[in-house]
Protein backbone atom coordinates (compact mmCIF):
# COMPACT_ATOMS: atom_id res chain seq x y z
CA MET A 1 26.83 4.84 26.67
CA ASN A 2 25.54 2.90 23.85
CA THR A 3 23.88 4.75 21.81
CA ARG A 4 22.00 1.45 20.33
CA LEU A 5 21.01 0.67 23.71
CA LEU A 6 19.57 4.15 24.43
CA LEU A 7 17.66 4.58 21.41
CA SER A 8 16.15 0.67 21.86
CA PHE A 9 15.51 2.14 25.29
CA ILE A 10 13.58 5.75 24.02
CA ALA A 11 11.84 3.66 21.56
CA VAL A 12 10.18 1.58 24.58
CA LEU A 13 8.96 4.54 25.82
CA MET A 14 7.84 5.83 23.09
CA PHE A 15 5.99 2.94 21.70
CA SER A 16 4.62 1.38 24.41
CA PRO A 17 0.82 1.84 25.85
CA ILE A 18 2.05 3.85 29.39
CA GLN A 19 2.08 7.29 30.35
CA VAL A 20 5.11 9.19 29.66
CA ALA A 21 6.11 12.40 31.94
CA LEU A 22 9.35 14.19 31.47
CA SER A 23 10.67 17.52 32.55
CA ASN A 24 8.79 19.48 29.15
CA PRO A 25 5.33 20.37 30.72
CA ASN A 26 3.74 19.12 26.66
CA CYS A 27 4.51 16.07 27.93
CA GLU A 28 3.27 15.50 30.78
CA ASN A 29 0.66 12.14 30.87
CA GLU A 30 1.44 12.47 26.90
CA LEU A 31 0.02 9.00 26.14
CA VAL A 32 2.21 7.09 23.78
CA SER A 33 0.83 3.63 22.02
CA ALA A 34 -0.78 1.86 19.55
CA GLU A 35 -3.61 3.35 20.70
CA GLU A 36 -2.64 7.24 19.88
CA ILE A 37 -1.98 6.12 16.32
CA ILE A 38 -4.91 4.83 15.95
CA SER A 39 -6.93 7.56 17.35
CA HIS A 40 -5.45 9.96 15.09
CA ILE A 41 -6.00 7.88 11.77
CA ARG A 42 -9.93 7.42 13.21
CA TYR A 43 -10.07 11.37 12.98
CA LEU A 44 -8.77 11.77 9.89
CA ALA A 45 -10.33 8.91 7.69
CA SER A 46 -13.49 9.67 9.28
CA ASP A 47 -16.57 10.30 7.42
CA ASP A 48 -16.78 13.59 8.88
CA LEU A 49 -14.21 14.18 6.65
CA LYS A 50 -15.10 13.41 3.50
CA GLY A 51 -12.29 11.89 1.84
CA ARG A 52 -10.21 15.12 2.58
CA MET A 53 -9.56 16.46 -1.29
CA SER A 54 -7.93 19.57 -1.06
CA GLY A 55 -10.02 22.73 -1.31
CA THR A 56 -12.67 21.08 0.96
CA PRO A 57 -14.02 21.52 4.24
CA GLY A 58 -13.07 18.14 5.01
CA ALA A 59 -9.25 19.07 4.47
CA GLU A 60 -9.79 22.07 6.35
CA MET A 61 -10.62 20.10 9.44
CA ALA A 62 -7.74 17.84 8.69
CA ALA A 63 -4.99 20.87 8.81
CA LYS A 64 -7.12 22.50 11.86
CA TYR A 65 -6.59 18.95 13.69
CA ILE A 66 -2.89 18.79 13.06
CA SER A 67 -2.25 22.28 14.09
CA SER A 68 -4.04 21.63 17.37
CA GLN A 69 -1.77 18.72 17.39
CA PHE A 70 1.59 20.22 16.30
CA LYS A 71 0.40 23.16 19.03
CA ASN A 72 -0.63 20.52 21.73
CA ALA A 73 3.20 19.18 21.35
CA GLY A 74 5.06 23.01 21.76
CA LEU A 75 5.87 22.92 18.18
CA LYS A 76 7.38 26.58 17.13
CA ALA A 77 4.48 27.52 14.20
CA LEU A 78 6.52 27.66 10.96
CA GLY A 79 3.63 28.90 8.58
CA ASP A 80 2.43 32.32 7.36
CA ASN A 81 2.02 35.45 9.79
CA ASP A 82 3.12 33.17 12.98
CA SER A 83 0.26 30.72 12.26
CA TYR A 84 1.18 26.81 11.66
CA TYR A 85 -0.21 27.07 8.03
CA GLN A 86 1.04 27.66 4.53
CA LYS A 87 -1.21 28.70 2.31
CA PHE A 88 -1.73 28.22 -1.52
CA SER A 89 -3.44 28.55 -4.32
CA PHE A 90 -4.23 25.52 -7.21
CA THR A 91 -6.40 25.21 -9.88
CA LYS A 92 -9.48 22.94 -8.96
CA GLY A 93 -11.76 22.85 -11.96
CA VAL A 94 -13.18 24.81 -14.92
CA GLU A 95 -16.84 26.35 -15.52
CA LEU A 96 -18.16 27.55 -18.70
CA GLY A 97 -18.97 30.95 -18.46
CA VAL A 98 -21.45 32.69 -20.49
CA TYR A 99 -20.06 33.32 -23.56
CA ASN A 100 -20.49 29.80 -25.24
CA SER A 101 -21.95 29.95 -28.67
CA LEU A 102 -21.79 28.25 -31.93
CA GLU A 103 -23.38 29.11 -35.06
CA ILE A 104 -23.22 27.52 -38.60
CA VAL A 105 -23.48 29.78 -41.73
CA SER A 106 -24.07 27.69 -44.97
CA ASP A 107 -25.56 29.53 -48.14
CA LYS A 108 -26.65 32.61 -46.04
CA THR A 109 -28.60 30.06 -43.71
CA LYS A 110 -27.75 30.72 -40.41
CA THR A 111 -28.28 27.59 -37.59
CA VAL A 112 -27.98 28.55 -34.08
CA PHE A 113 -27.34 25.40 -31.94
CA LYS A 114 -27.47 25.82 -27.92
CA SER A 115 -25.07 25.33 -25.22
CA GLY A 116 -25.39 22.42 -23.60
CA LYS A 117 -28.25 21.01 -25.38
CA ASP A 118 -27.11 20.88 -29.08
CA PHE A 119 -22.93 20.84 -28.12
CA ASN A 120 -20.78 21.84 -25.54
CA THR A 121 -17.16 23.57 -24.92
CA LEU A 122 -14.99 20.85 -23.39
CA SER A 123 -13.16 21.82 -20.55
CA PHE A 124 -9.65 21.76 -22.25
CA SER A 125 -10.59 23.98 -24.78
CA SER A 126 -9.15 27.52 -25.47
CA SER A 127 -11.40 29.94 -25.03
CA GLY A 128 -12.10 33.38 -27.49
CA GLU A 129 -13.65 33.68 -30.80
CA VAL A 130 -13.37 31.97 -33.97
CA ASP A 131 -14.26 31.87 -37.60
CA GLY A 132 -13.50 30.24 -40.04
CA LYS A 133 -14.50 27.32 -42.95
CA LEU A 134 -16.20 23.63 -42.16
CA VAL A 135 -14.03 20.88 -42.67
CA PHE A 136 -14.83 17.09 -41.90
CA ALA A 137 -11.57 15.36 -41.11
CA GLY A 138 -12.89 11.96 -40.40
CA TYR A 139 -11.46 10.48 -36.94
CA GLY A 140 -8.92 13.09 -36.76
CA ILE A 141 -5.94 11.04 -36.70
CA SER A 142 -2.64 10.73 -38.41
CA ALA A 143 -0.58 7.83 -38.00
CA PRO A 144 1.81 7.30 -40.82
CA GLU A 145 2.87 3.99 -39.33
CA LEU A 146 -0.08 2.46 -40.18
CA GLU A 147 -0.25 3.97 -43.27
CA TYR A 148 -3.48 6.22 -42.10
CA ASP A 149 -3.46 9.99 -42.34
CA ASP A 150 -7.27 11.41 -42.40
CA TYR A 151 -5.63 15.11 -42.85
CA GLN A 152 -4.02 13.55 -46.23
CA GLY A 153 -4.08 16.00 -48.94
CA LEU A 154 -6.22 18.33 -46.66
CA ASP A 155 -5.21 22.14 -46.16
CA VAL A 156 -6.61 23.04 -42.27
CA ARG A 157 -5.33 26.01 -41.65
CA ASP A 158 -7.44 28.86 -40.19
CA LYS A 159 -10.05 26.30 -40.11
CA VAL A 160 -12.52 24.34 -38.11
CA VAL A 161 -12.68 20.58 -38.60
CA LEU A 162 -15.38 18.24 -37.38
CA VAL A 163 -14.05 14.67 -36.49
CA LEU A 164 -15.10 11.47 -35.19
CA ARG A 165 -14.63 10.09 -31.77
CA TYR A 166 -12.62 6.84 -31.10
CA THR A 167 -10.98 5.26 -34.17
CA PRO A 168 -11.88 3.31 -37.31
CA GLU A 169 -11.31 0.07 -35.19
CA GLY A 170 -13.55 1.62 -32.58
CA TYR A 171 -12.43 1.56 -29.31
CA ASP A 172 -10.29 -2.19 -29.29
CA ALA A 173 -7.46 -1.60 -26.59
CA GLN A 174 -6.13 -4.05 -28.71
CA SER A 175 -6.28 -2.07 -31.97
CA PRO A 176 -3.05 -0.36 -33.14
CA PHE A 177 -5.11 3.10 -33.15
CA TYR A 178 -6.16 2.65 -29.60
CA ASN A 179 -3.72 5.32 -28.65
CA PHE A 180 -4.83 7.69 -30.93
CA ALA A 181 -8.40 7.72 -29.65
CA ALA A 182 -7.53 10.54 -26.93
CA LEU A 183 -9.57 13.68 -27.75
CA ARG A 184 -6.43 15.53 -26.47
CA TYR A 185 -4.28 13.89 -29.21
CA LYS A 186 -6.94 14.83 -31.64
CA ALA A 187 -7.05 18.30 -30.45
CA LEU A 188 -3.57 18.48 -30.91
CA ASN A 189 -3.32 17.04 -34.12
CA ALA A 190 -5.42 19.39 -35.40
CA ARG A 191 -4.07 22.27 -34.00
CA GLU A 192 -0.14 21.43 -35.12
CA LYS A 193 -1.81 21.24 -38.70
CA GLY A 194 -3.08 25.02 -38.29
CA ALA A 195 -6.72 24.48 -37.24
CA LYS A 196 -8.32 27.96 -35.35
CA ALA A 197 -11.06 24.78 -33.61
CA ILE A 198 -12.21 21.71 -33.52
CA ILE A 199 -15.91 19.91 -33.03
CA PHE A 200 -16.32 16.41 -32.20
CA VAL A 201 -19.19 14.13 -32.33
CA THR A 202 -19.76 10.34 -31.45
CA PRO A 203 -20.07 7.83 -34.51
CA TYR A 204 -23.16 5.54 -34.68
CA SER A 205 -20.82 2.21 -33.68
CA GLN A 206 -20.28 3.82 -30.41
CA GLU A 207 -23.32 4.95 -27.93
CA GLU A 208 -23.90 8.62 -27.36
CA GLU A 209 -23.54 9.94 -23.94
CA GLN A 210 -26.85 11.96 -22.95
CA ASP A 211 -24.92 14.40 -20.79
CA LEU A 212 -22.70 16.53 -22.93
CA THR A 213 -21.24 18.05 -19.84
CA SER A 214 -19.56 14.54 -19.05
CA ILE A 215 -17.39 14.31 -21.67
CA GLY A 216 -13.35 15.21 -21.77
CA ILE A 217 -12.70 16.30 -18.24
CA ASP A 218 -9.50 14.90 -17.46
CA PHE A 219 -9.02 16.91 -14.37
CA SER A 220 -5.40 18.62 -15.53
CA TYR A 221 -7.34 21.62 -16.63
CA SER A 222 -4.68 22.44 -18.85
CA ASP A 223 -5.75 24.60 -22.16
CA SER A 224 -4.98 22.46 -25.29
CA GLY A 225 -4.10 26.01 -27.28
CA ILE A 226 -7.30 25.12 -29.46
CA GLN A 227 -11.01 25.45 -29.21
CA SER A 228 -12.21 22.47 -28.84
CA LEU A 229 -16.24 21.49 -28.48
CA ILE A 230 -18.63 17.95 -28.97
CA MET A 231 -21.63 18.18 -30.60
CA ARG A 232 -24.53 16.17 -30.56
CA ARG A 233 -24.76 13.44 -33.40
CA ASN A 234 -28.29 14.39 -34.76
CA LYS A 235 -27.05 17.97 -35.08
CA ALA A 236 -23.87 16.50 -37.01
CA GLU A 237 -26.06 14.78 -39.27
CA GLU A 238 -28.07 17.23 -40.03
CA LEU A 239 -24.97 18.96 -41.51
CA LEU A 240 -24.03 16.35 -43.35
CA LEU A 241 -27.27 15.76 -45.27
CA LYS A 242 -27.07 19.08 -46.53
CA THR A 243 -23.80 17.97 -48.39
CA GLY A 244 -25.49 14.70 -49.41
CA LYS A 245 -23.39 12.56 -46.91
CA THR A 246 -24.53 10.81 -44.07
CA LEU A 247 -22.40 9.77 -40.84
CA LYS A 248 -22.85 6.23 -41.21
CA ASN A 249 -21.92 5.78 -45.05
CA LEU A 250 -18.77 7.76 -44.07
CA GLU A 251 -18.24 5.51 -40.52
CA GLU A 252 -18.77 2.65 -43.11
CA ASN A 253 -16.25 4.32 -45.98
CA LEU A 254 -13.25 5.52 -43.05
CA ALA A 255 -14.04 1.69 -41.55
CA LYS A 256 -12.35 0.62 -44.64
CA LYS A 257 -9.60 2.78 -44.18
CA GLU A 258 -10.56 5.04 -47.20
CA ASN A 259 -10.49 8.95 -46.98
CA SER A 260 -13.63 10.58 -46.57
CA SER A 261 -12.25 13.99 -45.56
CA PHE A 262 -13.60 16.73 -47.17
CA ILE A 263 -14.35 20.42 -47.29
CA PHE A 264 -18.04 21.65 -46.48
CA ALA A 265 -19.21 23.90 -49.42
CA ASN A 266 -20.02 27.26 -48.94
CA THR A 267 -20.01 26.62 -45.13
CA ARG A 268 -18.63 28.20 -42.17
CA ALA A 269 -18.78 28.07 -38.15
CA LYS A 270 -18.67 30.64 -36.15
CA ILE A 271 -17.31 29.86 -32.10
CA LYS A 272 -17.40 31.67 -29.00
CA SER A 273 -15.52 29.90 -26.12
CA GLU A 274 -15.27 31.45 -22.63
CA VAL A 275 -13.94 28.29 -20.08
CA ILE A 276 -12.68 29.62 -16.14
CA GLU A 277 -10.57 28.52 -14.18
CA GLU A 278 -11.81 28.30 -10.79
CA GLN A 279 -9.19 28.48 -8.05
CA GLY A 280 -8.56 26.37 -4.82
CA GLU A 281 -7.60 27.37 -1.60
CA SER A 282 -5.21 24.82 1.04
CA SER A 283 -2.53 24.39 3.26
CA ASN A 284 1.07 23.04 4.19
CA VAL A 285 0.81 23.05 7.88
CA ILE A 286 4.28 23.30 9.37
CA GLY A 287 5.75 23.18 12.74
CA LEU A 288 9.41 23.26 13.75
CA ILE A 289 11.55 22.23 17.01
CA GLU A 290 14.78 23.90 17.09
CA GLY A 291 17.78 21.86 18.08
CA SER A 292 20.10 22.91 21.16
CA ASP A 293 23.80 23.18 19.69
CA PRO A 294 24.41 26.52 18.67
CA ILE A 295 25.75 25.75 15.26
CA LEU A 296 23.97 23.05 14.34
CA LYS A 297 20.53 23.65 15.00
CA ASN A 298 21.10 26.27 11.88
CA GLU A 299 20.30 23.16 10.13
CA PHE A 300 17.28 21.02 9.29
CA ILE A 301 15.60 17.85 8.97
CA VAL A 302 12.85 17.87 7.17
CA ILE A 303 9.95 14.98 8.51
CA GLY A 304 6.58 15.17 6.29
CA ALA A 305 3.56 13.34 5.10
CA HIS A 306 0.63 14.49 2.62
CA TYR A 307 -2.96 14.89 4.67
CA ASP A 308 -5.20 15.11 1.43
CA HIS A 309 -6.66 12.16 0.04
CA ILE A 310 -9.86 11.57 -3.04
CA GLY A 311 -12.41 12.85 -1.69
CA LEU A 312 -15.51 11.00 -2.44
CA GLY A 313 -13.30 9.62 -5.61
CA GLU A 314 -14.16 12.07 -8.33
CA ARG A 315 -10.72 11.27 -9.74
CA ASN A 316 -7.93 8.84 -9.24
CA SER A 317 -10.43 6.57 -7.91
CA ARG A 318 -9.71 2.41 -8.80
CA SER A 319 -13.53 1.80 -7.41
CA ASP A 320 -15.71 0.17 -9.88
CA ASP A 321 -18.42 2.96 -9.11
CA PRO A 322 -16.65 5.87 -6.99
CA ASN A 323 -19.36 8.44 -7.77
CA ASN A 324 -20.38 9.81 -4.11
CA SER A 325 -18.42 7.34 -2.26
CA ILE A 326 -16.36 8.45 0.56
CA HIS A 327 -12.97 7.57 0.09
CA ASN A 328 -11.39 7.98 3.71
CA GLY A 329 -7.99 7.19 3.17
CA ALA A 330 -7.00 6.03 6.49
CA ASP A 331 -3.50 4.29 4.77
CA ASP A 332 -3.48 6.92 1.87
CA ASN A 333 -2.51 9.10 3.91
CA ALA A 334 -3.89 9.88 7.48
CA SER A 335 -1.28 6.40 8.60
CA GLY A 336 1.44 8.92 7.51
CA VAL A 337 -0.03 11.78 8.82
CA ALA A 338 -0.14 10.08 12.16
CA GLY A 339 3.24 8.98 11.86
CA VAL A 340 4.20 12.97 11.48
CA ILE A 341 2.56 14.30 14.71
CA GLU A 342 3.52 11.09 16.57
CA LEU A 343 7.21 12.00 15.72
CA ALA A 344 6.18 15.66 16.76
CA GLU A 345 5.36 14.72 19.80
CA PHE A 346 8.13 12.26 20.49
CA PHE A 347 11.09 14.60 19.63
CA SER A 348 9.66 17.56 21.37
CA CYS A 349 9.71 15.75 24.78
CA ARG A 350 13.13 14.79 24.10
CA LYS A 351 14.20 18.41 22.18
CA GLU A 352 17.19 19.30 24.79
CA SER A 353 19.03 16.33 23.41
CA LEU A 354 18.56 17.43 19.63
CA LYS A 355 21.41 19.41 18.11
CA ARG A 356 19.57 19.97 14.60
CA SER A 357 16.58 21.40 14.14
CA LEU A 358 13.38 19.34 12.95
CA VAL A 359 10.79 20.68 10.83
CA PHE A 360 7.40 18.68 10.37
CA ILE A 361 5.39 19.05 7.71
CA ALA A 362 1.53 17.91 6.59
CA PHE A 363 1.87 18.59 3.02
CA SER A 364 -1.65 19.17 1.31
CA ALA A 365 -2.49 18.45 -2.85
CA GLU A 366 -0.59 15.95 -3.16
CA GLU A 367 -3.24 13.82 -5.05
CA LEU A 368 -3.07 16.44 -7.52
CA GLY A 369 0.42 16.38 -8.59
CA LEU A 370 2.75 16.92 -5.31
CA ILE A 371 1.22 20.71 -5.34
CA GLY A 372 1.53 21.50 -1.82
CA ALA A 373 5.52 20.12 -1.41
CA SER A 374 6.32 21.73 -4.81
CA TYR A 375 5.14 25.35 -3.24
CA TYR A 376 7.19 24.47 -0.14
CA VAL A 377 10.61 24.23 -1.82
CA ASP A 378 9.55 26.91 -4.05
CA ASN A 379 8.68 28.89 -0.88
CA PRO A 380 10.50 27.49 2.02
CA LYS A 381 10.77 28.21 5.26
CA VAL A 382 13.99 27.08 6.36
CA PRO A 383 16.78 27.39 3.53
CA LEU A 384 17.15 24.52 1.11
CA ASP A 385 21.01 24.54 1.53
CA LYS A 386 20.36 24.17 5.19
CA THR A 387 18.28 21.05 4.88
CA VAL A 388 20.01 17.84 5.47
CA ALA A 389 17.66 15.61 4.83
CA MET A 390 13.61 14.82 3.99
CA ILE A 391 12.17 12.02 5.51
CA ASN A 392 8.97 11.28 3.94
CA MET A 393 5.59 8.81 5.17
CA ASP A 394 3.06 7.60 2.45
CA MET A 395 1.33 4.78 3.67
CA ILE A 396 2.87 2.89 6.57
CA GLY A 397 -0.20 1.64 8.28
CA ARG A 398 -0.40 -1.60 6.33
CA LEU A 399 3.07 -3.56 7.39
CA ASP A 400 2.54 -7.20 6.39
CA GLU A 401 4.96 -9.99 7.67
CA GLY A 402 7.11 -7.17 8.61
CA LYS A 403 7.83 -5.90 4.96
CA LEU A 404 8.61 -2.68 4.42
CA THR A 405 10.13 -0.75 1.22
CA ILE A 406 12.23 2.53 1.80
CA PHE A 407 12.60 4.80 -1.37
CA GLY A 408 15.22 7.60 -1.82
CA VAL A 409 18.09 5.03 -0.67
CA GLY A 410 20.38 5.90 -3.41
CA SER A 411 19.98 9.64 -2.75
CA SER A 412 23.06 9.29 -0.64
CA PRO A 413 25.80 6.65 0.06
CA GLU A 414 25.47 6.85 4.01
CA TRP A 415 21.47 5.93 3.98
CA GLY A 416 21.94 2.19 3.27
CA GLY A 417 24.89 1.88 7.04
CA LEU A 418 22.32 4.09 8.65
CA ILE A 419 19.40 1.63 7.67
CA ASN A 420 21.12 -1.55 8.53
CA ASP A 421 22.47 -0.67 11.48
CA SER A 422 18.82 0.94 12.94
CA ASN A 423 16.83 -2.37 11.60
CA SER A 424 19.72 -4.69 13.83
CA ASP A 425 16.92 -3.88 16.50
CA TYR A 426 13.68 -4.39 14.73
CA ASN A 427 14.52 -7.20 11.48
CA PHE A 428 12.25 -5.65 9.47
CA GLU A 429 12.34 -7.67 5.81
CA ILE A 430 13.27 -4.32 3.84
CA SER A 431 13.01 -3.68 0.48
CA LEU A 432 15.98 -0.84 -0.58
CA ASN A 433 14.99 1.05 -3.51
CA ASN A 434 17.38 3.91 -4.78
CA SER A 435 15.12 5.66 -6.59
CA GLY A 436 14.42 9.53 -5.41
CA PHE A 437 11.71 9.91 -7.66
CA ALA A 438 9.48 7.36 -6.27
CA PRO A 439 5.47 9.17 -6.64
CA SER A 440 4.94 11.07 -3.45
CA ASP A 441 6.23 14.72 -1.56
CA GLN A 442 9.77 13.64 -0.78
CA SER A 443 10.24 13.67 -4.84
CA VAL A 444 10.77 17.31 -5.07
CA PHE A 445 13.45 17.96 -2.71
CA PHE A 446 15.33 15.31 -4.01
CA ALA A 447 15.00 17.43 -7.08
CA LYS A 448 16.72 20.22 -5.20
CA LYS A 449 19.34 17.64 -4.53
CA ILE A 450 18.22 17.23 -0.92
CA PRO A 451 18.33 13.13 0.68
CA VAL A 452 15.59 11.76 1.09
CA LEU A 453 14.33 8.84 2.36
CA HIS A 454 10.27 7.21 1.74
CA PHE A 455 8.68 5.04 4.23
CA PHE A 456 6.21 2.63 2.41
CA THR A 457 4.61 -0.83 3.58
CA GLY A 458 2.95 -1.56 0.54
CA LEU A 459 0.11 -1.29 -2.11
CA HIS A 460 -3.39 -3.42 -1.28
CA ASP A 461 -6.56 -3.89 -3.16
CA ASP A 462 -8.46 -1.11 -0.59
CA TYR A 463 -5.83 1.58 -2.49
CA HIS A 464 -8.02 4.41 -3.82
CA THR A 465 -10.79 2.98 -2.94
CA PRO A 466 -14.01 3.44 -0.38
CA GLY A 467 -12.15 0.47 1.34
CA ASP A 468 -9.62 1.93 2.89
CA ASP A 469 -10.94 2.34 6.43
CA TRP A 470 -8.93 2.72 9.89
CA GLU A 471 -10.30 -0.74 10.91
CA LYS A 472 -7.85 -2.51 8.49
CA ILE A 473 -4.73 -0.28 9.78
CA ASN A 474 -1.79 -2.63 11.72
CA SER A 475 -1.23 0.58 14.25
CA LYS A 476 1.07 -1.93 16.25
CA GLY A 477 3.11 -2.19 12.88
CA GLN A 478 2.88 1.27 12.61
CA GLN A 479 4.56 1.63 15.99
CA LYS A 480 7.39 -0.40 15.16
CA VAL A 481 7.81 1.43 11.65
CA LEU A 482 8.04 4.63 13.60
CA SER A 483 10.44 3.40 15.84
CA LEU A 484 12.87 2.50 13.43
CA MET A 485 12.71 5.84 11.66
CA ALA A 486 13.26 7.48 15.20
CA ASP A 487 16.11 5.83 15.21
CA ILE A 488 17.33 6.57 11.68
CA ILE A 489 16.58 10.59 12.77
CA VAL A 490 18.36 10.52 16.26
CA ASP A 491 21.62 8.97 14.19
CA LEU A 492 20.81 11.74 11.88
CA ASP A 493 20.94 14.34 14.28
CA SER A 494 23.94 13.00 16.10
CA GLN A 495 26.20 13.46 13.24
CA GLN A 496 28.27 16.09 13.28
CA HIS A 497 28.66 16.00 9.36
CA ARG A 498 25.52 15.92 7.17
CA VAL A 499 25.08 13.03 5.01
CA ALA A 500 26.16 13.33 1.70
CA PHE A 501 23.91 14.04 -1.74
CA SER A 502 23.97 11.17 -4.29
CA ASN A 503 21.93 11.25 -7.85
CA VAL A 504 21.44 7.60 -8.52
CA GLU A 505 20.92 6.05 -12.25
CA GLU A 506 17.59 5.00 -12.02
CA PRO A 507 15.87 1.97 -14.06
CA LYS A 508 13.62 2.95 -17.33
CA LYS A 509 10.32 3.24 -16.38
CA VAL A 510 8.05 4.38 -18.82
CA SER A 511 4.99 3.87 -19.77
CA SER A 512 4.74 0.54 -21.91
CA LYS A 513 2.82 2.53 -24.88
CA PHE A 514 5.83 4.24 -25.08
CA ASN A 515 8.71 2.52 -27.18
CA VAL A 516 11.21 5.16 -25.97
CA TYR A 517 12.63 6.92 -22.79
CA LEU A 518 14.25 10.24 -21.97
CA GLY A 519 14.10 10.44 -18.57
CA THR A 520 12.90 13.39 -17.51
CA ILE A 521 10.55 14.41 -14.31
CA PRO A 522 7.62 16.48 -15.23
CA ASP A 523 6.38 18.83 -12.42
CA TYR A 524 2.59 18.14 -12.09
CA SER A 525 2.18 21.11 -9.94
CA ASN A 526 3.29 23.72 -12.52
CA GLN A 527 0.44 25.14 -14.08
CA ILE A 528 2.50 27.33 -16.98
CA GLU A 529 2.15 26.73 -20.52
CA GLY A 530 5.03 23.81 -21.66
CA VAL A 531 5.97 21.21 -19.49
CA LYS A 532 8.48 22.47 -16.65
CA LEU A 533 10.83 19.91 -15.26
CA MET A 534 11.10 18.83 -11.61
CA GLY A 535 14.36 17.12 -12.75
CA VAL A 536 16.60 14.53 -14.87
CA ARG A 537 17.14 11.04 -14.05
CA GLU A 538 20.74 10.62 -14.10
CA GLY A 539 22.43 8.69 -17.21
CA SER A 540 19.15 9.23 -19.09
CA PRO A 541 18.96 10.48 -22.27
CA ALA A 542 17.88 13.89 -20.91
CA GLN A 543 20.78 14.61 -18.65
CA LYS A 544 22.89 13.48 -21.75
CA ALA A 545 20.84 16.25 -23.93
CA GLY A 546 21.85 18.86 -21.54
CA LEU A 547 18.36 19.05 -19.80
CA LEU A 548 18.11 20.97 -16.56
CA ASP A 549 15.91 21.25 -13.62
CA ASP A 550 13.38 23.50 -14.02
CA ASP A 551 13.89 24.11 -18.14
CA THR A 552 10.21 24.63 -19.34
CA ILE A 553 9.92 22.50 -22.75
CA VAL A 554 8.32 24.15 -25.18
CA GLN A 555 8.61 22.28 -28.26
CA PHE A 556 9.43 18.72 -28.98
CA ASN A 557 10.23 17.72 -32.43
CA GLY A 558 8.59 20.28 -34.23
CA VAL A 559 5.29 20.10 -31.77
CA SER A 560 4.46 22.82 -29.64
CA ILE A 561 4.14 21.70 -26.36
CA LYS A 562 1.55 23.83 -24.25
CA ASN A 563 1.22 21.17 -21.39
CA ILE A 564 1.65 17.48 -20.28
CA TYR A 565 -0.87 15.57 -22.41
CA ASP A 566 1.20 17.27 -25.72
CA TYR A 567 4.36 16.02 -24.54
CA VAL A 568 3.09 12.87 -23.94
CA TYR A 569 1.74 12.48 -27.53
CA ALA A 570 4.62 13.91 -29.11
CA LEU A 571 6.91 11.31 -27.10
CA GLY A 572 4.59 8.23 -28.22
CA ASP A 573 5.89 9.95 -31.95
CA SER A 574 9.36 9.69 -31.39
CA LYS A 575 11.51 6.45 -32.51
CA PRO A 576 14.74 5.36 -30.40
CA GLY A 577 17.89 5.91 -31.75
CA ILE A 578 17.01 9.08 -34.18
CA PRO A 579 18.00 12.62 -32.92
CA THR A 580 15.38 14.57 -31.78
CA SER A 581 14.83 18.69 -31.72
CA LEU A 582 13.39 20.44 -28.60
CA VAL A 583 13.26 23.81 -27.51
CA VAL A 584 13.03 24.88 -24.13
CA ILE A 585 12.84 28.21 -21.80
CA ARG A 586 15.66 28.60 -19.56
CA ASN A 587 16.55 31.49 -17.79
CA TYR A 588 13.62 33.19 -19.55
CA LYS A 589 15.42 32.30 -22.74
CA LEU A 590 15.09 29.98 -25.37
CA LEU A 591 17.08 27.21 -25.80
CA SER A 592 17.17 24.28 -28.80
CA LEU A 593 18.92 21.16 -27.71
CA VAL A 594 19.22 17.71 -29.51
CA ILE A 595 18.13 14.61 -27.34
CA VAL A 596 18.73 10.87 -28.52
CA PRO A 597 15.50 8.72 -27.61
CA GLU A 598 16.27 5.41 -25.99
CA PRO A 599 14.57 1.96 -26.45
CA ARG A 600 12.60 1.21 -23.52
CA SER A 601 14.44 -1.25 -21.54
CA GLN A 602 12.10 -4.80 -20.99
CA GLU A 603 12.20 -4.69 -17.14
CA SER A 604 9.56 -1.89 -17.44
CA ASN A 605 7.04 -4.11 -19.87
């Protein structure tokens, strides 16, 4: 029998608004249609779930819904303790402990500042106690390429530095100083120069926030390696007046690029900081359909999508006024989850014809840095070396004019042929992208040398805004996308051989503020000291230097790397073509390497 005709017939059964009664009792009176797709999305993207932020009741409600759908479809529970849930923890925030204090002792006079009123400990501060001489270090910037260095001639080792926020040229994005304005950069610079702590103050040229607790929250919650505070401007002014200086005069001198740094005479700062990580818990939802072939059933095809979104817009919102607005995430990514559920039901009703086993996973914490997917590959429920491929869906609900993007095509030399053969029945206008490291959950599987595909119907103005609602979903278009995916999965399953894995040399896509390209893929889910690599791009400077997946970078060009921010700022200071030293941890041992950054390619502008 013609396989293509058979698959077309199955697709008609799957995506027509009729009831399909099959021999499997789970398929009796099963309605598989656009209406069913939209029904899943309407629930998952309803206001009741409040944006499905990982670690919230709304995300838990979504996980329960997905597990119930898996159960109804007859999937075997593949989570922990015979459940559908694979639980994991993550850092969802930080809070200040009770031990946060600041005292300034000058000429035997002690001034005690009130936490939350006169100063605040920043979210990226280290915890501990510090006692050191107080130093004013201008804007805390070292930029030799601009012939500017607030630390020139200043020894700040074991001292506490007081620095201004922003730059000598304000907060102008067109200024060459703009890239040096970040608080994280200034904390790194002070730390690398040996300072024990840094205290920020807002200059008169900028408006001071009324709420000090709103400053310095970057949602990575990683320790900067130095105690970091923000002080009220009027309190800093009182300290400066004792030296015969004023903040306004210092600002005026710094605007003229005059070095204005100095050591406070007979003045020490005593600081206690306590920043406590707040742990959250979430779950991947995992179900299995076992194949029928006695040998091939021990190989697995993973079909996945993330179910979390960004809640009330506390982070990563593109809205002009995100706070307390529910971001329902209908396309991102209730559409992908609906696709997982539909394909799970479809293949469960036809499991007798499956050779290989299918693993269906709804991942959590993708929006926080692929945390759920990363946890799964570190703690797989089926062997990774027996995982044939991973098929991912992220934002498949806005098909427009038949245009579909498929990432990961370069991860196997066979993908192109399989996709083109299947598309002959659907005539999508498909954009094939070789990259396996497209920003979604399939990336972590690609890093483990597993062929991947990632289906995507395109960005839109509602992405990460409160406007991403179910009414805007093209459910019939999503039917068609899922039908194509079903064909590809059937082809994958029916082959006697496994699809081969291949690396692909990828374009040098880097931030436009960098002049260099390395080709490292950081693992944002890993909350350790240093920067762990998920992977390295084929043919990149990182690969040529000998960097490997799972290496942890702890030093770059002489700068200690404690978190992703340190790495970003150190990268920004590197030059193309100049050999640069780096130190990594590999298999619990320190290893020194030399990397030669390449210039940023024109297409990344």
